[in-house]
N, C-alpha and C. Protein backbone atom coordinates (compact mmCIF):
# COMPACT_ATOMS: atom_id res chain seq x y z
N MET A 1 112.89 102.80 72.26
CA MET A 1 111.80 102.80 73.21
C MET A 1 112.27 103.46 74.50
N PHE A 2 111.44 104.30 75.06
CA PHE A 2 111.71 104.98 76.33
C PHE A 2 111.05 104.19 77.45
N ILE A 3 111.80 103.86 78.50
CA ILE A 3 111.29 103.11 79.65
C ILE A 3 111.32 104.03 80.86
N CYS A 4 110.23 104.03 81.64
CA CYS A 4 110.21 104.82 82.87
C CYS A 4 109.39 104.10 83.94
N LYS A 5 109.57 104.54 85.17
CA LYS A 5 108.83 103.99 86.31
C LYS A 5 107.49 104.71 86.42
N ILE A 6 106.42 103.94 86.67
CA ILE A 6 105.07 104.49 86.81
C ILE A 6 104.53 104.11 88.18
N VAL A 7 103.96 105.06 88.89
CA VAL A 7 103.26 104.79 90.15
C VAL A 7 101.78 104.75 89.82
N VAL A 8 101.09 103.69 90.26
CA VAL A 8 99.65 103.56 90.05
C VAL A 8 98.99 103.49 91.42
N GLU A 9 98.03 104.38 91.66
CA GLU A 9 97.31 104.42 92.93
C GLU A 9 95.86 104.01 92.71
N LYS A 10 95.34 103.19 93.62
CA LYS A 10 93.93 102.81 93.57
C LYS A 10 93.17 103.67 94.57
N HIS A 11 92.14 104.34 94.07
CA HIS A 11 91.28 105.19 94.90
C HIS A 11 89.85 104.63 94.84
N ALA A 12 88.98 105.14 95.69
CA ALA A 12 87.60 104.67 95.73
C ALA A 12 86.88 104.87 94.39
N ASP A 13 87.26 105.90 93.65
CA ASP A 13 86.57 106.21 92.40
C ASP A 13 87.38 105.86 91.15
N GLY A 14 88.45 105.09 91.29
CA GLY A 14 89.24 104.68 90.13
C GLY A 14 90.72 104.66 90.42
N TYR A 15 91.51 104.71 89.36
CA TYR A 15 92.96 104.61 89.46
C TYR A 15 93.61 105.88 88.90
N VAL A 16 94.74 106.25 89.49
CA VAL A 16 95.56 107.37 89.01
C VAL A 16 96.97 106.83 88.81
N ALA A 17 97.61 107.23 87.72
CA ALA A 17 98.97 106.79 87.41
C ALA A 17 99.82 108.00 87.04
N TYR A 18 101.05 107.99 87.53
CA TYR A 18 101.96 109.08 87.16
C TYR A 18 103.39 108.55 87.06
N PRO A 19 104.14 109.09 86.10
CA PRO A 19 105.51 108.65 85.89
C PRO A 19 106.48 109.41 86.80
N LEU A 20 107.59 108.78 87.10
CA LEU A 20 108.66 109.42 87.84
C LEU A 20 109.70 109.94 86.86
N GLY A 21 110.31 111.08 87.19
CA GLY A 21 111.42 111.58 86.39
C GLY A 21 111.05 112.52 85.26
N PHE A 22 109.90 113.18 85.36
CA PHE A 22 109.51 114.16 84.34
C PHE A 22 109.45 115.54 84.96
N LYS A 23 109.79 116.55 84.17
CA LYS A 23 109.61 117.93 84.60
C LYS A 23 108.14 118.28 84.42
N GLY A 24 107.54 118.89 85.41
CA GLY A 24 106.14 119.28 85.33
C GLY A 24 105.21 118.18 85.81
N ALA A 25 103.95 118.51 85.85
CA ALA A 25 102.93 117.55 86.30
C ALA A 25 102.44 116.70 85.13
N LEU A 26 102.32 115.42 85.37
CA LEU A 26 101.92 114.49 84.31
C LEU A 26 101.23 113.32 84.98
N ALA A 27 99.99 113.00 84.54
CA ALA A 27 99.24 111.90 85.16
C ALA A 27 98.23 111.33 84.19
N GLY A 28 97.74 110.15 84.52
CA GLY A 28 96.67 109.50 83.78
C GLY A 28 95.67 108.94 84.77
N GLN A 29 94.48 108.65 84.31
CA GLN A 29 93.47 108.09 85.20
C GLN A 29 92.59 107.12 84.45
N GLY A 30 91.85 106.30 85.19
CA GLY A 30 90.94 105.36 84.55
C GLY A 30 90.15 104.57 85.57
N ASP A 31 89.17 103.84 85.09
CA ASP A 31 88.33 103.01 85.95
C ASP A 31 89.04 101.74 86.39
N SER A 32 90.09 101.36 85.68
CA SER A 32 90.86 100.15 86.02
C SER A 32 92.35 100.48 85.98
N TYR A 33 93.13 99.55 86.53
CA TYR A 33 94.59 99.68 86.50
C TYR A 33 95.07 99.83 85.06
N ASP A 34 94.59 98.96 84.18
CA ASP A 34 95.01 98.99 82.78
C ASP A 34 94.60 100.28 82.08
N ASP A 35 93.39 100.79 82.39
CA ASP A 35 92.95 102.06 81.80
C ASP A 35 93.85 103.21 82.22
N ALA A 36 94.19 103.26 83.51
CA ALA A 36 95.05 104.33 84.01
C ALA A 36 96.45 104.24 83.40
N LEU A 37 96.97 103.02 83.27
CA LEU A 37 98.28 102.83 82.67
C LEU A 37 98.28 103.24 81.20
N ALA A 38 97.25 102.87 80.46
CA ALA A 38 97.15 103.28 79.05
C ALA A 38 97.03 104.79 78.93
N ASP A 39 96.28 105.41 79.83
CA ASP A 39 96.10 106.87 79.78
C ASP A 39 97.40 107.59 80.07
N VAL A 40 98.16 107.13 81.07
CA VAL A 40 99.42 107.81 81.38
C VAL A 40 100.45 107.56 80.28
N LYS A 41 100.44 106.39 79.65
CA LYS A 41 101.35 106.15 78.53
C LYS A 41 101.06 107.11 77.38
N SER A 42 99.78 107.36 77.12
CA SER A 42 99.40 108.33 76.09
C SER A 42 99.86 109.73 76.48
N ALA A 43 99.71 110.07 77.76
CA ALA A 43 100.14 111.39 78.23
C ALA A 43 101.65 111.56 78.13
N ILE A 44 102.40 110.50 78.44
CA ILE A 44 103.86 110.55 78.32
C ILE A 44 104.27 110.80 76.87
N LYS A 45 103.67 110.05 75.95
CA LYS A 45 103.98 110.22 74.53
C LYS A 45 103.69 111.65 74.07
N PHE A 46 102.52 112.17 74.45
CA PHE A 46 102.15 113.54 74.08
C PHE A 46 103.13 114.54 74.69
N HIS A 47 103.50 114.34 75.96
CA HIS A 47 104.40 115.25 76.66
C HIS A 47 105.76 115.32 75.96
N ILE A 48 106.30 114.16 75.59
CA ILE A 48 107.60 114.13 74.91
C ILE A 48 107.50 114.73 73.50
N GLU A 49 106.41 114.43 72.79
CA GLU A 49 106.22 115.00 71.45
C GLU A 49 106.08 116.51 71.51
N THR A 50 105.45 117.02 72.57
CA THR A 50 105.21 118.46 72.70
C THR A 50 106.44 119.21 73.19
N PHE A 51 107.11 118.68 74.22
CA PHE A 51 108.20 119.41 74.86
C PHE A 51 109.58 118.86 74.53
N GLY A 52 109.65 117.75 73.85
CA GLY A 52 110.93 117.16 73.49
C GLY A 52 111.57 116.45 74.66
N LYS A 53 112.76 115.93 74.43
CA LYS A 53 113.47 115.19 75.47
C LYS A 53 113.88 116.07 76.64
N GLU A 54 113.80 117.38 76.47
CA GLU A 54 114.10 118.30 77.57
C GLU A 54 113.07 118.16 78.69
N ALA A 55 111.90 117.57 78.39
CA ALA A 55 110.86 117.37 79.40
C ALA A 55 111.26 116.29 80.40
N LEU A 56 112.24 115.49 80.04
CA LEU A 56 112.69 114.43 80.94
C LEU A 56 113.64 115.02 81.97
N ASP A 57 113.50 114.59 83.20
CA ASP A 57 114.37 115.03 84.27
C ASP A 57 115.05 113.79 84.83
N MET A 58 115.86 113.14 84.00
CA MET A 58 116.38 111.82 84.33
C MET A 58 117.89 111.82 84.59
N GLU A 59 118.43 112.85 85.16
CA GLU A 59 119.85 112.90 85.48
C GLU A 59 120.06 112.96 86.97
N PRO A 60 120.40 111.94 87.64
CA PRO A 60 120.51 110.57 87.15
C PRO A 60 119.12 109.93 87.05
N PRO A 61 119.00 108.86 86.30
CA PRO A 61 117.69 108.21 86.14
C PRO A 61 117.22 107.56 87.44
N VAL A 62 115.91 107.41 87.57
CA VAL A 62 115.34 106.71 88.72
C VAL A 62 115.70 105.24 88.60
N MET A 63 116.42 104.72 89.57
CA MET A 63 116.86 103.32 89.53
C MET A 63 115.81 102.39 90.14
N GLU A 64 115.21 102.81 91.25
CA GLU A 64 114.18 102.03 91.91
C GLU A 64 113.18 103.00 92.52
N ALA A 65 111.97 102.53 92.75
CA ALA A 65 110.95 103.33 93.42
C ALA A 65 110.37 102.51 94.55
N PHE A 66 110.13 103.15 95.68
CA PHE A 66 109.58 102.48 96.85
C PHE A 66 108.36 103.24 97.34
N ILE A 67 107.43 102.54 97.90
CA ILE A 67 106.27 103.15 98.55
C ILE A 67 106.45 102.94 100.05
N ALA A 68 106.38 104.00 100.82
CA ALA A 68 106.54 103.93 102.26
C ALA A 68 105.35 104.60 102.93
N GLU A 69 105.07 104.19 104.15
CA GLU A 69 103.98 104.79 104.91
C GLU A 69 104.55 105.22 106.26
N THR A 70 104.18 106.42 106.70
CA THR A 70 104.67 106.92 107.98
C THR A 70 103.60 107.79 108.63
N GLY A 71 103.70 108.00 109.90
CA GLY A 71 102.79 108.88 110.62
C GLY A 71 103.47 110.20 110.91
N VAL A 72 102.71 111.27 110.90
CA VAL A 72 103.22 112.60 111.19
C VAL A 72 102.34 113.22 112.27
N GLU A 73 102.95 113.67 113.36
CA GLU A 73 102.21 114.32 114.43
C GLU A 73 101.66 115.65 113.93
N MET A 74 100.39 115.90 114.24
CA MET A 74 99.75 117.16 113.82
C MET A 74 99.19 117.86 115.05
N GLU A 75 99.39 119.16 115.10
CA GLU A 75 98.86 119.94 116.20
C GLU A 75 97.41 120.30 115.93
N GLY A 76 96.66 120.42 117.00
CA GLY A 76 95.29 120.89 116.85
C GLY A 76 94.33 119.81 116.80
């Protein structure tokens, strides 16, 4: 079994989920947290079946993931 970290975001129109540590863009979406998680799990399986283990960018593997919020000064 392959284990990876997944980020799930809640938006006004649903949920988006994406895994950490993959080469290329990979995401899932759904009306609920569980739907988005199931969709991204299906996308991960398809991605690995299509591109092989070379699609993984896990050297070194993601040990922990954090969400941070910061402000950025913008001109104009």
